[in-house]
Amino acid sequence: MLIIGCDLHTRYQQIAMLDKETGEVVEHRLEHESGETRAFYASLPCGAVVGIEATTRPTGSNEC
């Protein structure tokens, strides 16, 4: 089973992935524009668990 943590940025995602069967941990920077991110997620096996960073606007930020 793969467990993946994802840190979202505007142009890329930084992911850390744990393979629970082998104990292997890998990190990748996935670029959005190149299609690398889409290809990565499309290649995951069924049952992979993906946790995506949840954020809010920083306090005191201006409205657009």
Protein backbone atom coordinates (compact mmCIF):
# COMPACT_ATOMS: atom_id res chain seq x y z
CA MET A 1 0.00 0.00 0.00
CA LEU A 2 1.27 3.46 -0.89
CA ILE A 3 0.70 6.47 1.36
CA ILE A 4 1.43 9.83 -0.26
CA GLY A 5 1.59 13.29 1.28
CA CYS A 6 1.29 16.24 -1.06
CA ASP A 7 2.39 19.86 -0.51
CA LEU A 8 0.71 22.04 -3.15
CA HIS A 9 2.36 25.04 -4.77
CA THR A 10 1.34 27.20 -7.72
CA ARG A 11 3.66 25.60 -10.27
CA TYR A 12 4.54 22.27 -8.67
CA GLN A 13 3.74 19.73 -5.97
CA GLN A 14 6.23 18.29 -3.51
CA ILE A 15 5.28 14.75 -2.54
CA ALA A 16 6.58 12.19 -0.07
CA MET A 17 5.57 8.59 -0.63
CA LEU A 18 5.78 5.62 1.75
CA ASP A 19 5.51 2.04 0.49
CA LYS A 20 4.17 0.25 3.58
CA GLU A 21 5.19 -3.16 2.23
CA THR A 22 8.88 -2.32 1.76
CA GLY A 23 9.30 0.66 4.09
CA GLU A 24 10.78 2.67 1.20
CA VAL A 25 10.26 6.43 1.38
CA VAL A 26 10.78 8.63 -1.68
CA GLU A 27 10.30 12.34 -2.34
CA HIS A 28 9.54 13.97 -5.68
CA ARG A 29 8.94 17.45 -7.01
CA LEU A 30 6.23 17.20 -9.69
CA GLU A 31 5.91 20.04 -12.19
CA HIS A 32 2.37 20.99 -13.24
CA GLU A 33 3.06 22.56 -16.65
CA SER A 34 4.99 19.59 -18.04
CA GLY A 35 2.19 17.12 -17.25
CA GLU A 36 4.42 15.31 -14.77
CA THR A 37 1.85 15.65 -11.97
CA ARG A 38 -0.99 14.17 -14.03
CA ALA A 39 1.20 11.27 -15.17
CA PHE A 40 2.29 10.51 -11.60
CA TYR A 41 -1.25 10.29 -10.22
CA ALA A 42 -2.46 8.29 -13.25
CA SER A 43 0.27 5.70 -12.57
CA LEU A 44 -0.73 5.03 -8.95
CA PRO A 45 -2.20 1.62 -8.16
CA CYS A 46 -5.72 1.24 -6.80
CA GLY A 47 -5.75 1.63 -3.04
CA ALA A 48 -3.06 4.30 -2.86
CA VAL A 49 -3.87 6.84 -0.15
CA VAL A 50 -3.18 10.51 -0.95
CA GLY A 51 -3.26 13.26 1.68
CA ILE A 52 -3.39 16.80 0.30
CA GLU A 53 -2.28 19.83 2.26
CA ALA A 54 -5.19 21.94 3.47
CA THR A 55 -4.51 25.65 3.92
CA THR A 56 -6.35 28.88 4.44
CA ARG A 57 -5.49 32.43 3.58
CA PRO A 58 -2.95 33.98 5.93
CA THR A 59 -4.47 36.27 8.56
CA GLY A 60 -4.47 39.90 7.49
CA SER A 61 -4.25 39.24 3.76
CA ASN A 62 -5.98 41.66 1.43
CA GLU A 63 -9.06 40.75 -0.52
CA CYS A 64 -8.63 40.73 -4.30
